[in-house]
N, C-alpha and C. Protein backbone atom coordinates (compact mmCIF):
# COMPACT_ATOMS: atom_id res chain seq x y z
N MET A 1 9.42 21.33 19.67
CA MET A 1 8.58 20.25 19.13
C MET A 1 8.02 19.42 20.28
N PRO A 2 6.80 18.89 20.14
CA PRO A 2 6.26 17.99 21.16
C PRO A 2 7.13 16.74 21.29
N THR A 3 7.13 16.15 22.45
CA THR A 3 7.93 14.94 22.68
C THR A 3 7.11 13.70 22.33
N PRO A 4 7.56 12.87 21.39
CA PRO A 4 6.83 11.63 21.09
C PRO A 4 6.74 10.74 22.33
N THR A 5 5.70 9.92 22.36
CA THR A 5 5.49 9.04 23.51
C THR A 5 6.60 8.00 23.63
N TRP A 6 7.03 7.46 22.50
CA TRP A 6 8.03 6.40 22.49
C TRP A 6 9.31 6.91 21.84
N ASP A 7 10.45 6.53 22.42
CA ASP A 7 11.72 6.69 21.73
C ASP A 7 11.92 5.47 20.85
N GLY A 8 12.76 5.61 19.84
CA GLY A 8 13.01 4.47 18.98
C GLY A 8 14.03 4.78 17.92
N PRO A 9 14.58 3.76 17.30
CA PRO A 9 15.54 3.97 16.22
C PRO A 9 14.84 4.42 14.95
N SER A 10 15.59 4.95 14.02
CA SER A 10 15.03 5.27 12.72
C SER A 10 14.55 4.00 12.03
N VAL A 11 13.51 4.13 11.23
CA VAL A 11 13.03 3.00 10.44
C VAL A 11 13.93 2.87 9.22
N SER A 12 14.46 1.69 9.02
CA SER A 12 15.44 1.46 7.96
C SER A 12 14.87 0.52 6.89
N PRO A 13 15.55 0.43 5.74
CA PRO A 13 15.12 -0.56 4.74
C PRO A 13 15.04 -1.98 5.29
N ASP A 14 15.92 -2.30 6.24
CA ASP A 14 15.87 -3.64 6.82
C ASP A 14 14.57 -3.88 7.58
N HIS A 15 14.03 -2.86 8.20
CA HIS A 15 12.77 -3.02 8.93
C HIS A 15 11.64 -3.48 8.00
N VAL A 16 11.55 -2.88 6.82
CA VAL A 16 10.46 -3.27 5.91
C VAL A 16 10.68 -4.67 5.36
N ARG A 17 11.92 -5.05 5.16
CA ARG A 17 12.19 -6.42 4.73
C ARG A 17 11.79 -7.41 5.83
N ARG A 18 12.09 -7.07 7.07
CA ARG A 18 11.71 -7.94 8.20
C ARG A 18 10.20 -8.05 8.32
N ALA A 19 9.51 -6.93 8.15
CA ALA A 19 8.05 -6.96 8.23
C ALA A 19 7.47 -7.88 7.16
N ALA A 20 8.01 -7.80 5.95
CA ALA A 20 7.53 -8.65 4.86
C ALA A 20 7.80 -10.12 5.16
N ALA A 21 8.94 -10.41 5.76
CA ALA A 21 9.26 -11.80 6.11
C ALA A 21 8.29 -12.32 7.16
N ILE A 22 7.91 -11.46 8.12
CA ILE A 22 6.92 -11.87 9.14
C ILE A 22 5.59 -12.19 8.47
N CYS A 23 5.18 -11.34 7.53
CA CYS A 23 3.93 -11.60 6.80
C CYS A 23 4.00 -12.95 6.09
N HIS A 24 5.05 -13.17 5.34
CA HIS A 24 5.18 -14.41 4.57
C HIS A 24 5.19 -15.63 5.49
N ASP A 25 6.03 -15.59 6.51
CA ASP A 25 6.20 -16.77 7.35
C ASP A 25 4.98 -17.04 8.23
N THR A 26 4.27 -15.98 8.63
CA THR A 26 3.06 -16.16 9.44
C THR A 26 1.94 -16.79 8.65
N LEU A 27 1.78 -16.35 7.39
CA LEU A 27 0.62 -16.76 6.61
C LEU A 27 0.86 -17.93 5.68
N ALA A 28 2.11 -18.30 5.44
CA ALA A 28 2.39 -19.42 4.53
C ALA A 28 1.73 -20.72 4.95
N PRO A 29 1.58 -21.01 6.25
CA PRO A 29 0.90 -22.26 6.63
C PRO A 29 -0.56 -22.31 6.21
N ALA A 30 -1.13 -21.19 5.79
CA ALA A 30 -2.55 -21.15 5.41
C ALA A 30 -2.76 -21.20 3.90
N LEU A 31 -1.77 -21.64 3.15
CA LEU A 31 -1.89 -21.63 1.68
C LEU A 31 -3.11 -22.38 1.18
N GLU A 32 -3.48 -23.46 1.86
CA GLU A 32 -4.60 -24.28 1.40
C GLU A 32 -5.91 -23.92 2.10
N ALA A 33 -5.90 -22.87 2.90
CA ALA A 33 -7.11 -22.47 3.63
C ALA A 33 -8.07 -21.71 2.71
N ASP A 34 -9.23 -21.38 3.24
CA ASP A 34 -10.23 -20.62 2.51
C ASP A 34 -9.93 -19.13 2.68
N TRP A 35 -9.38 -18.52 1.65
CA TRP A 35 -8.98 -17.11 1.71
C TRP A 35 -10.13 -16.17 1.38
N SER A 36 -11.33 -16.71 1.21
CA SER A 36 -12.49 -15.85 0.94
C SER A 36 -13.19 -15.40 2.22
N ILE A 37 -12.70 -15.85 3.38
CA ILE A 37 -13.30 -15.44 4.65
C ILE A 37 -12.87 -14.02 4.99
N PRO A 38 -13.63 -13.31 5.83
CA PRO A 38 -13.25 -11.94 6.20
C PRO A 38 -11.91 -11.91 6.95
N ALA A 39 -11.18 -10.82 6.75
CA ALA A 39 -9.90 -10.61 7.43
C ALA A 39 -10.14 -9.79 8.69
N GLY A 40 -10.28 -10.46 9.82
CA GLY A 40 -10.44 -9.77 11.09
C GLY A 40 -11.57 -8.77 11.07
N PRO A 41 -11.30 -7.48 11.41
CA PRO A 41 -12.37 -6.48 11.48
C PRO A 41 -12.75 -5.89 10.13
N LEU A 42 -12.07 -6.30 9.07
CA LEU A 42 -12.30 -5.69 7.77
C LEU A 42 -13.48 -6.32 7.04
N THR A 43 -14.02 -5.60 6.07
CA THR A 43 -15.01 -6.18 5.18
C THR A 43 -14.33 -6.86 3.98
N TRP A 44 -13.03 -6.63 3.82
CA TRP A 44 -12.27 -7.33 2.79
C TRP A 44 -12.08 -8.80 3.18
N THR A 45 -11.94 -9.66 2.17
CA THR A 45 -11.56 -11.04 2.43
C THR A 45 -10.07 -11.10 2.76
N CYS A 46 -9.65 -12.25 3.25
CA CYS A 46 -8.22 -12.43 3.52
C CYS A 46 -7.39 -12.24 2.25
N ARG A 47 -7.89 -12.76 1.13
CA ARG A 47 -7.15 -12.62 -0.11
C ARG A 47 -7.08 -11.17 -0.56
N GLU A 48 -8.19 -10.47 -0.49
CA GLU A 48 -8.21 -9.06 -0.89
C GLU A 48 -7.26 -8.24 -0.01
N THR A 49 -7.21 -8.59 1.27
CA THR A 49 -6.34 -7.86 2.18
C THR A 49 -4.88 -8.12 1.86
N LEU A 50 -4.54 -9.37 1.56
CA LEU A 50 -3.17 -9.69 1.18
C LEU A 50 -2.78 -8.97 -0.11
N ASP A 51 -3.68 -8.93 -1.07
CA ASP A 51 -3.42 -8.23 -2.33
C ASP A 51 -3.21 -6.74 -2.06
N HIS A 52 -4.00 -6.20 -1.15
CA HIS A 52 -3.90 -4.78 -0.82
C HIS A 52 -2.53 -4.42 -0.26
N ILE A 53 -1.91 -5.31 0.49
CA ILE A 53 -0.58 -5.02 1.05
C ILE A 53 0.39 -4.66 -0.06
N THR A 54 0.44 -5.50 -1.11
CA THR A 54 1.35 -5.21 -2.21
C THR A 54 0.93 -3.97 -2.97
N ASP A 55 -0.39 -3.76 -3.14
CA ASP A 55 -0.86 -2.54 -3.78
C ASP A 55 -0.33 -1.31 -3.04
N ALA A 56 -0.44 -1.33 -1.71
CA ALA A 56 -0.01 -0.18 -0.91
C ALA A 56 1.49 0.05 -1.04
N ILE A 57 2.27 -1.01 -0.94
CA ILE A 57 3.72 -0.85 -1.03
C ILE A 57 4.13 -0.36 -2.41
N ALA A 58 3.48 -0.89 -3.45
CA ALA A 58 3.79 -0.45 -4.81
C ALA A 58 3.47 1.04 -4.97
N TYR A 59 2.37 1.48 -4.38
CA TYR A 59 2.02 2.89 -4.44
C TYR A 59 3.09 3.73 -3.75
N TYR A 60 3.56 3.28 -2.60
CA TYR A 60 4.61 4.02 -1.90
C TYR A 60 5.88 4.09 -2.74
N CYS A 61 6.22 2.99 -3.41
CA CYS A 61 7.40 2.98 -4.28
C CYS A 61 7.28 4.06 -5.36
N GLY A 62 6.12 4.12 -6.00
CA GLY A 62 5.93 5.09 -7.07
C GLY A 62 5.98 6.52 -6.56
N GLN A 63 5.33 6.78 -5.43
CA GLN A 63 5.34 8.13 -4.89
C GLN A 63 6.76 8.58 -4.54
N LEU A 64 7.49 7.72 -3.83
CA LEU A 64 8.83 8.07 -3.38
C LEU A 64 9.79 8.18 -4.56
N ALA A 65 9.73 7.26 -5.50
CA ALA A 65 10.64 7.27 -6.64
C ALA A 65 10.47 8.53 -7.48
N MET A 66 9.23 9.01 -7.58
CA MET A 66 8.93 10.18 -8.40
C MET A 66 8.96 11.50 -7.62
N HIS A 67 9.22 11.42 -6.31
CA HIS A 67 9.16 12.63 -5.46
C HIS A 67 7.87 13.38 -5.74
N ALA A 68 6.79 12.62 -5.76
CA ALA A 68 5.50 13.14 -6.23
C ALA A 68 4.93 14.20 -5.29
N PRO A 69 4.60 15.39 -5.81
CA PRO A 69 4.01 16.43 -4.97
C PRO A 69 2.52 16.22 -4.72
N SER A 70 1.91 15.30 -5.46
CA SER A 70 0.50 14.97 -5.28
C SER A 70 0.33 13.48 -5.60
N ARG A 71 -0.87 12.98 -5.41
CA ARG A 71 -1.10 11.55 -5.62
C ARG A 71 -0.97 11.20 -7.09
N ARG A 72 -0.15 10.18 -7.38
CA ARG A 72 -0.01 9.65 -8.73
C ARG A 72 -0.89 8.41 -8.89
N PRO A 73 -1.24 8.03 -10.11
CA PRO A 73 -2.01 6.81 -10.30
C PRO A 73 -1.27 5.60 -9.72
N SER A 74 -2.00 4.68 -9.17
CA SER A 74 -1.39 3.46 -8.62
C SER A 74 -0.74 2.66 -9.74
N ILE A 75 0.42 2.10 -9.46
CA ILE A 75 1.10 1.31 -10.48
C ILE A 75 0.69 -0.16 -10.42
N ARG A 76 -0.07 -0.52 -9.39
CA ARG A 76 -0.60 -1.87 -9.27
C ARG A 76 -1.93 -1.79 -8.54
N ASN A 77 -2.92 -2.52 -9.02
CA ASN A 77 -4.22 -2.51 -8.35
C ASN A 77 -4.88 -3.87 -8.48
N GLY A 78 -4.34 -4.81 -7.73
CA GLY A 78 -4.93 -6.15 -7.72
C GLY A 78 -4.42 -7.04 -8.84
N ASP A 79 -4.50 -8.33 -8.60
CA ASP A 79 -4.10 -9.33 -9.59
C ASP A 79 -4.97 -10.56 -9.37
N PRO A 80 -6.15 -10.59 -9.97
CA PRO A 80 -7.10 -11.67 -9.70
C PRO A 80 -6.61 -13.05 -10.10
N ALA A 81 -5.60 -13.12 -10.97
CA ALA A 81 -5.10 -14.42 -11.41
C ALA A 81 -3.99 -14.97 -10.51
N ALA A 82 -3.48 -14.16 -9.60
CA ALA A 82 -2.35 -14.59 -8.77
C ALA A 82 -2.80 -15.60 -7.72
N SER A 83 -1.95 -16.57 -7.46
CA SER A 83 -2.21 -17.51 -6.38
C SER A 83 -1.85 -16.87 -5.05
N VAL A 84 -2.33 -17.45 -3.95
CA VAL A 84 -1.97 -16.94 -2.64
C VAL A 84 -0.46 -17.00 -2.43
N SER A 85 0.15 -18.08 -2.91
CA SER A 85 1.61 -18.20 -2.80
C SER A 85 2.30 -17.06 -3.55
N ASP A 86 1.79 -16.74 -4.75
CA ASP A 86 2.37 -15.62 -5.51
C ASP A 86 2.19 -14.31 -4.76
N LEU A 87 1.04 -14.12 -4.15
CA LEU A 87 0.78 -12.87 -3.44
C LEU A 87 1.70 -12.73 -2.22
N LEU A 88 1.94 -13.83 -1.51
CA LEU A 88 2.86 -13.77 -0.39
C LEU A 88 4.27 -13.42 -0.86
N ASP A 89 4.67 -14.01 -1.98
CA ASP A 89 5.98 -13.68 -2.54
C ASP A 89 6.03 -12.22 -2.99
N SER A 90 4.91 -11.71 -3.51
CA SER A 90 4.90 -10.33 -4.00
C SER A 90 5.05 -9.33 -2.87
N VAL A 91 4.58 -9.69 -1.66
CA VAL A 91 4.80 -8.81 -0.51
C VAL A 91 6.29 -8.67 -0.25
N VAL A 92 7.00 -9.79 -0.28
CA VAL A 92 8.44 -9.77 -0.04
C VAL A 92 9.15 -8.99 -1.15
N THR A 93 8.74 -9.22 -2.40
CA THR A 93 9.38 -8.53 -3.53
C THR A 93 9.13 -7.03 -3.47
N SER A 94 7.88 -6.64 -3.26
CA SER A 94 7.57 -5.20 -3.24
C SER A 94 8.26 -4.51 -2.07
N ALA A 95 8.37 -5.19 -0.93
CA ALA A 95 9.10 -4.62 0.20
C ALA A 95 10.57 -4.44 -0.16
N GLY A 96 11.13 -5.39 -0.90
CA GLY A 96 12.52 -5.26 -1.34
C GLY A 96 12.71 -4.08 -2.28
N ILE A 97 11.74 -3.85 -3.16
CA ILE A 97 11.82 -2.71 -4.07
C ILE A 97 11.76 -1.40 -3.29
N LEU A 98 10.82 -1.30 -2.34
CA LEU A 98 10.72 -0.08 -1.55
C LEU A 98 12.00 0.14 -0.74
N ALA A 99 12.55 -0.93 -0.19
CA ALA A 99 13.80 -0.81 0.56
C ALA A 99 14.90 -0.23 -0.32
N ALA A 100 14.98 -0.69 -1.58
CA ALA A 100 16.00 -0.20 -2.50
C ALA A 100 15.76 1.27 -2.88
N VAL A 101 14.50 1.61 -3.15
CA VAL A 101 14.17 3.00 -3.50
C VAL A 101 14.48 3.92 -2.32
N ALA A 102 14.08 3.51 -1.12
CA ALA A 102 14.34 4.34 0.07
C ALA A 102 15.83 4.47 0.33
N GLY A 103 16.57 3.37 0.12
CA GLY A 103 18.00 3.41 0.35
C GLY A 103 18.73 4.34 -0.60
N ALA A 104 18.15 4.56 -1.78
CA ALA A 104 18.76 5.44 -2.78
C ALA A 104 18.26 6.88 -2.67
N SER A 105 17.33 7.13 -1.76
CA SER A 105 16.75 8.47 -1.62
C SER A 105 17.64 9.37 -0.78
N GLN A 106 17.49 10.68 -1.02
CA GLN A 106 18.20 11.68 -0.24
C GLN A 106 17.35 12.11 0.96
N GLU A 107 18.00 12.61 1.98
CA GLU A 107 17.28 13.03 3.19
C GLU A 107 16.23 14.09 2.87
N ARG A 108 16.50 14.92 1.89
CA ARG A 108 15.58 16.02 1.56
C ARG A 108 14.39 15.57 0.72
N ASP A 109 14.41 14.36 0.17
CA ASP A 109 13.36 13.91 -0.73
C ASP A 109 12.04 13.74 0.01
N ARG A 110 10.97 14.25 -0.58
CA ARG A 110 9.63 14.13 -0.01
C ARG A 110 8.67 13.69 -1.11
N ALA A 111 7.57 13.08 -0.71
CA ALA A 111 6.52 12.72 -1.65
C ALA A 111 5.18 12.73 -0.93
N TYR A 112 4.14 12.92 -1.71
CA TYR A 112 2.81 13.07 -1.16
C TYR A 112 2.27 11.78 -0.56
N HIS A 113 1.66 11.92 0.60
CA HIS A 113 0.75 10.94 1.16
C HIS A 113 -0.33 11.73 1.88
N ARG A 114 -1.55 11.25 1.87
CA ARG A 114 -2.63 12.05 2.45
C ARG A 114 -2.46 12.26 3.95
N MET A 115 -1.57 11.50 4.58
CA MET A 115 -1.32 11.69 6.00
C MET A 115 -0.01 12.44 6.24
N GLY A 116 0.45 13.18 5.22
CA GLY A 116 1.63 14.02 5.39
C GLY A 116 2.63 13.83 4.27
N MET A 117 3.34 14.88 3.92
CA MET A 117 4.41 14.79 2.92
C MET A 117 5.56 14.01 3.56
N ALA A 118 5.71 12.78 3.13
CA ALA A 118 6.63 11.86 3.80
C ALA A 118 8.00 11.83 3.16
N ASP A 119 9.00 11.55 3.99
CA ASP A 119 10.34 11.26 3.50
C ASP A 119 10.48 9.75 3.35
N ALA A 120 11.68 9.31 3.00
CA ALA A 120 11.89 7.87 2.77
C ALA A 120 11.58 7.07 4.04
N GLU A 121 12.02 7.57 5.20
CA GLU A 121 11.75 6.83 6.44
C GLU A 121 10.26 6.74 6.69
N GLY A 122 9.53 7.81 6.37
CA GLY A 122 8.09 7.78 6.55
C GLY A 122 7.43 6.70 5.71
N PHE A 123 7.84 6.59 4.45
CA PHE A 123 7.26 5.56 3.59
C PHE A 123 7.63 4.16 4.07
N LEU A 124 8.85 3.99 4.56
CA LEU A 124 9.23 2.69 5.12
C LEU A 124 8.37 2.35 6.33
N ALA A 125 8.15 3.33 7.20
CA ALA A 125 7.33 3.08 8.40
C ALA A 125 5.89 2.79 8.03
N MET A 126 5.35 3.54 7.05
CA MET A 126 3.97 3.29 6.61
C MET A 126 3.84 1.91 5.99
N ALA A 127 4.86 1.48 5.25
CA ALA A 127 4.82 0.14 4.66
C ALA A 127 4.87 -0.92 5.75
N CYS A 128 5.71 -0.73 6.75
CA CYS A 128 5.74 -1.68 7.87
C CYS A 128 4.38 -1.76 8.53
N GLU A 129 3.74 -0.62 8.72
CA GLU A 129 2.41 -0.59 9.33
C GLU A 129 1.41 -1.37 8.49
N GLU A 130 1.37 -1.09 7.19
CA GLU A 130 0.43 -1.79 6.31
C GLU A 130 0.68 -3.30 6.34
N ILE A 131 1.94 -3.69 6.25
CA ILE A 131 2.27 -5.12 6.23
C ILE A 131 1.87 -5.80 7.53
N LEU A 132 2.32 -5.24 8.64
CA LEU A 132 2.14 -5.92 9.92
C LEU A 132 0.69 -5.93 10.39
N VAL A 133 0.01 -4.81 10.25
CA VAL A 133 -1.37 -4.75 10.74
C VAL A 133 -2.29 -5.57 9.86
N HIS A 134 -2.09 -5.54 8.55
CA HIS A 134 -2.95 -6.37 7.69
C HIS A 134 -2.59 -7.85 7.80
N THR A 135 -1.35 -8.15 8.12
CA THR A 135 -1.02 -9.55 8.45
C THR A 135 -1.80 -9.97 9.69
N TRP A 136 -1.89 -9.10 10.68
CA TRP A 136 -2.69 -9.38 11.87
C TRP A 136 -4.15 -9.58 11.50
N ASP A 137 -4.70 -8.74 10.61
CA ASP A 137 -6.09 -8.90 10.18
C ASP A 137 -6.33 -10.29 9.59
N ILE A 138 -5.46 -10.67 8.66
CA ILE A 138 -5.62 -11.97 8.00
C ILE A 138 -5.45 -13.10 9.01
N ALA A 139 -4.45 -12.96 9.88
CA ALA A 139 -4.23 -13.99 10.90
C ALA A 139 -5.44 -14.17 11.80
N GLN A 140 -6.15 -13.07 12.08
CA GLN A 140 -7.37 -13.17 12.88
C GLN A 140 -8.39 -14.09 12.20
N GLY A 141 -8.47 -13.97 10.88
CA GLY A 141 -9.40 -14.82 10.15
C GLY A 141 -9.07 -16.30 10.27
N PHE A 142 -7.78 -16.60 10.32
CA PHE A 142 -7.35 -18.00 10.37
C PHE A 142 -7.07 -18.50 11.78
N GLY A 143 -7.21 -17.65 12.77
CA GLY A 143 -6.93 -18.06 14.14
C GLY A 143 -5.46 -18.15 14.45
N PHE A 144 -4.62 -17.45 13.68
CA PHE A 144 -3.18 -17.42 13.93
C PHE A 144 -2.83 -16.26 14.84
N THR A 145 -1.65 -16.32 15.44
CA THR A 145 -1.09 -15.19 16.16
C THR A 145 0.05 -14.60 15.34
N VAL A 146 0.31 -13.32 15.56
CA VAL A 146 1.39 -12.63 14.87
C VAL A 146 2.37 -12.13 15.91
N SER A 147 3.61 -12.52 15.79
CA SER A 147 4.65 -12.10 16.72
C SER A 147 5.53 -11.05 16.04
N VAL A 148 5.56 -9.85 16.60
CA VAL A 148 6.37 -8.76 16.05
C VAL A 148 7.41 -8.36 17.09
N PRO A 149 8.69 -8.41 16.75
CA PRO A 149 9.73 -8.04 17.73
C PRO A 149 9.56 -6.62 18.24
N ASP A 150 9.92 -6.41 19.50
CA ASP A 150 9.76 -5.09 20.11
C ASP A 150 10.47 -3.99 19.32
N ASP A 151 11.68 -4.26 18.85
CA ASP A 151 12.43 -3.20 18.19
C ASP A 151 11.79 -2.77 16.88
N LEU A 152 11.14 -3.70 16.18
CA LEU A 152 10.47 -3.37 14.93
C LEU A 152 9.22 -2.53 15.20
N ALA A 153 8.36 -3.00 16.10
CA ALA A 153 7.15 -2.24 16.42
C ALA A 153 7.49 -0.88 17.02
N GLN A 154 8.52 -0.83 17.86
CA GLN A 154 8.86 0.43 18.50
C GLN A 154 9.37 1.44 17.49
N ALA A 155 10.13 1.00 16.50
CA ALA A 155 10.59 1.92 15.45
C ALA A 155 9.41 2.49 14.68
N VAL A 156 8.42 1.64 14.40
CA VAL A 156 7.25 2.09 13.64
C VAL A 156 6.45 3.11 14.43
N ILE A 157 6.14 2.81 15.69
CA ILE A 157 5.29 3.73 16.45
C ILE A 157 6.02 5.03 16.76
N HIS A 158 7.33 4.97 16.96
CA HIS A 158 8.08 6.21 17.19
C HIS A 158 7.98 7.12 15.98
N ARG A 159 7.99 6.53 14.78
CA ARG A 159 8.01 7.34 13.55
C ARG A 159 6.63 7.84 13.14
N ILE A 160 5.60 7.00 13.22
CA ILE A 160 4.30 7.42 12.68
C ILE A 160 3.18 7.48 13.72
N PHE A 161 3.41 6.94 14.92
CA PHE A 161 2.42 7.02 15.99
C PHE A 161 3.04 7.63 17.25
N PRO A 162 3.49 8.86 17.19
CA PRO A 162 4.17 9.44 18.36
C PRO A 162 3.26 9.61 19.56
N TRP A 163 1.96 9.44 19.37
CA TRP A 163 0.99 9.52 20.48
C TRP A 163 0.70 8.15 21.09
N ALA A 164 1.45 7.14 20.70
CA ALA A 164 1.17 5.77 21.16
C ALA A 164 1.20 5.68 22.69
N PRO A 165 0.28 4.89 23.27
CA PRO A 165 0.24 4.76 24.73
C PRO A 165 1.40 3.94 25.26
N THR A 166 1.76 4.17 26.50
CA THR A 166 2.78 3.38 27.17
C THR A 166 2.09 2.38 28.08
N GLY A 167 2.88 1.63 28.83
CA GLY A 167 2.31 0.65 29.74
C GLY A 167 1.88 -0.63 29.06
N CYS A 168 2.37 -0.87 27.85
CA CYS A 168 2.06 -2.08 27.10
C CYS A 168 3.25 -2.37 26.20
N THR A 169 3.22 -3.49 25.50
CA THR A 169 4.31 -3.79 24.58
C THR A 169 4.21 -2.86 23.36
N PRO A 170 5.32 -2.65 22.63
CA PRO A 170 5.26 -1.85 21.41
C PRO A 170 4.27 -2.39 20.39
N TRP A 171 4.17 -3.70 20.23
CA TRP A 171 3.24 -4.28 19.28
C TRP A 171 1.80 -4.05 19.72
N GLU A 172 1.52 -4.15 21.01
CA GLU A 172 0.18 -3.82 21.50
C GLU A 172 -0.14 -2.35 21.25
N ALA A 173 0.84 -1.48 21.46
CA ALA A 173 0.63 -0.06 21.21
C ALA A 173 0.35 0.19 19.73
N GLN A 174 1.08 -0.50 18.85
CA GLN A 174 0.85 -0.34 17.41
C GLN A 174 -0.55 -0.82 17.03
N LEU A 175 -0.97 -1.95 17.57
CA LEU A 175 -2.32 -2.45 17.27
C LEU A 175 -3.39 -1.51 17.81
N TRP A 176 -3.16 -0.93 18.98
CA TRP A 176 -4.14 0.01 19.52
C TRP A 176 -4.23 1.25 18.64
N CYS A 177 -3.08 1.78 18.22
CA CYS A 177 -3.06 2.96 17.35
C CYS A 177 -3.72 2.67 16.01
N SER A 178 -3.76 1.41 15.63
CA SER A 178 -4.38 0.99 14.37
C SER A 178 -5.84 0.60 14.55
N ASP A 179 -6.39 0.85 15.73
CA ASP A 179 -7.79 0.56 16.06
C ASP A 179 -8.12 -0.92 15.98
N ARG A 180 -7.14 -1.77 16.33
CA ARG A 180 -7.38 -3.21 16.28
C ARG A 180 -7.73 -3.80 17.63
N ILE A 181 -7.19 -3.27 18.71
CA ILE A 181 -7.40 -3.88 20.02
C ILE A 181 -7.75 -2.80 21.05
N GLU A 182 -8.33 -3.26 22.15
CA GLU A 182 -8.53 -2.41 23.32
C GLU A 182 -7.34 -2.58 24.25
N LEU A 183 -7.08 -1.54 25.02
CA LEU A 183 -6.11 -1.63 26.10
C LEU A 183 -6.81 -1.31 27.42
N PRO A 184 -6.34 -1.87 28.51
CA PRO A 184 -6.99 -1.62 29.80
C PRO A 184 -7.12 -0.12 30.09
N GLY A 185 -8.33 0.28 30.39
CA GLY A 185 -8.58 1.67 30.75
C GLY A 185 -8.71 2.63 29.60
N THR A 186 -8.56 2.15 28.35
CA THR A 186 -8.60 3.06 27.20
C THR A 186 -9.66 2.69 26.18
N GLY A 187 -10.07 1.41 26.14
CA GLY A 187 -10.97 0.98 25.08
C GLY A 187 -10.27 1.04 23.73
N LYS A 188 -11.05 1.04 22.65
CA LYS A 188 -10.47 1.16 21.30
C LYS A 188 -10.43 2.63 20.91
N ILE A 189 -9.51 2.94 20.02
CA ILE A 189 -9.31 4.32 19.61
C ILE A 189 -10.42 4.81 18.68
N GLY A 190 -11.01 3.89 17.89
CA GLY A 190 -12.14 4.24 17.03
C GLY A 190 -11.77 4.85 15.70
N GLN A 191 -10.50 4.97 15.40
CA GLN A 191 -10.05 5.55 14.13
C GLN A 191 -8.61 5.12 13.88
N TRP A 192 -8.16 5.35 12.65
CA TRP A 192 -6.82 4.90 12.27
C TRP A 192 -6.18 5.95 11.40
N GLY A 193 -5.08 6.46 11.84
CA GLY A 193 -4.34 7.43 11.06
C GLY A 193 -2.95 7.60 11.65
N TRP A 194 -2.04 8.18 10.89
CA TRP A 194 -0.67 8.31 11.38
C TRP A 194 -0.06 9.61 10.92
N HIS A 195 1.15 9.87 11.39
CA HIS A 195 1.91 11.07 11.04
C HIS A 195 2.94 10.68 9.99
N GLY A 196 2.71 11.07 8.75
CA GLY A 196 3.60 10.64 7.67
C GLY A 196 4.84 11.49 7.48
N ALA A 197 4.75 12.77 7.79
CA ALA A 197 5.89 13.67 7.61
C ALA A 197 6.98 13.37 8.65
N PRO A 198 8.18 13.90 8.48
CA PRO A 198 9.24 13.66 9.47
C PRO A 198 8.78 14.00 10.88
N ILE A 199 9.29 13.24 11.83
CA ILE A 199 8.83 13.37 13.21
C ILE A 199 9.09 14.76 13.77
N ALA A 200 10.11 15.45 13.27
CA ALA A 200 10.40 16.80 13.73
C ALA A 200 9.27 17.78 13.43
N GLU A 201 8.36 17.39 12.51
CA GLU A 201 7.26 18.26 12.13
C GLU A 201 5.94 17.89 12.82
N TRP A 202 5.99 16.94 13.74
CA TRP A 202 4.76 16.55 14.44
C TRP A 202 4.22 17.71 15.25
N ASP A 203 2.91 17.94 15.16
CA ASP A 203 2.28 19.07 15.81
C ASP A 203 1.70 18.75 17.19
N GLY A 204 1.94 17.55 17.66
CA GLY A 204 1.45 17.18 18.98
C GLY A 204 0.03 16.65 19.00
N GLN A 205 -0.60 16.54 17.83
CA GLN A 205 -1.97 16.08 17.74
C GLN A 205 -2.04 14.66 17.20
N MET A 206 -3.07 13.92 17.60
CA MET A 206 -3.30 12.59 17.03
C MET A 206 -4.00 12.76 15.68
N HIS A 207 -3.47 12.14 14.65
CA HIS A 207 -4.01 12.26 13.32
C HIS A 207 -4.85 11.03 12.98
N ALA A 208 -5.96 11.23 12.34
CA ALA A 208 -6.82 10.12 11.97
C ALA A 208 -7.41 10.37 10.59
N ALA A 209 -7.53 9.32 9.81
CA ALA A 209 -8.08 9.46 8.47
C ALA A 209 -9.08 8.37 8.13
N ILE A 210 -9.01 7.24 8.82
CA ILE A 210 -9.84 6.09 8.47
C ILE A 210 -10.68 5.69 9.67
N VAL A 211 -11.95 5.47 9.45
CA VAL A 211 -12.85 5.01 10.50
C VAL A 211 -13.35 3.62 10.12
N PHE A 212 -13.29 2.68 11.06
CA PHE A 212 -13.72 1.31 10.77
C PHE A 212 -15.22 1.18 10.91
N PRO A 213 -15.83 0.18 10.23
CA PRO A 213 -15.16 -0.82 9.40
C PRO A 213 -14.81 -0.28 8.02
N VAL A 214 -13.67 -0.69 7.50
CA VAL A 214 -13.25 -0.28 6.17
C VAL A 214 -14.13 -0.96 5.13
N GLU A 215 -14.59 -0.23 4.16
CA GLU A 215 -15.40 -0.79 3.07
C GLU A 215 -14.52 -1.04 1.86
N VAL A 216 -14.84 -2.07 1.09
CA VAL A 216 -14.10 -2.37 -0.12
C VAL A 216 -14.35 -1.27 -1.14
């Protein structure tokens, strides 16, 4: 098997809970702000992006719980009546549900994702990615910074971004792999995609599925 760029621990249910707490605590000071402004590089508003985080995690919960061999209908798709405070709480709640589903899963369990048939660890890592990077998007809109501990970002990039560059912090590498920032000598990656299947099945290639700017 090809050697991933970064070593790291397995992504655990605790990692996704920590990612959700970072999202909540980073964005809670903006409860009274204008959430209709764009979220960083996205065409979505800050509110739409926050809602999307829970949509994505809920989708992962359904796929993993059902061991789905193909895409199942989303079990949640927006909540126009929810307050921003409710949406922040829903990120924490949905992350807790995914953590519980993943914790009850067997090592052999797989479910469909368009970026690879993922196991429980893969869904946890993808959820961390969605939470942390979209928190960064929203924070860009409000002029906030997002602080992600090295061990959390390193676990994520080891699992789903094995091609991540070195010579920078793990969080910088994760943002670069997500096409959010430039790194010295590399520019921006120009696309966003990850390896969803177990790391032992990585083929040594960089995977991409999304090209920015994302359209609603």
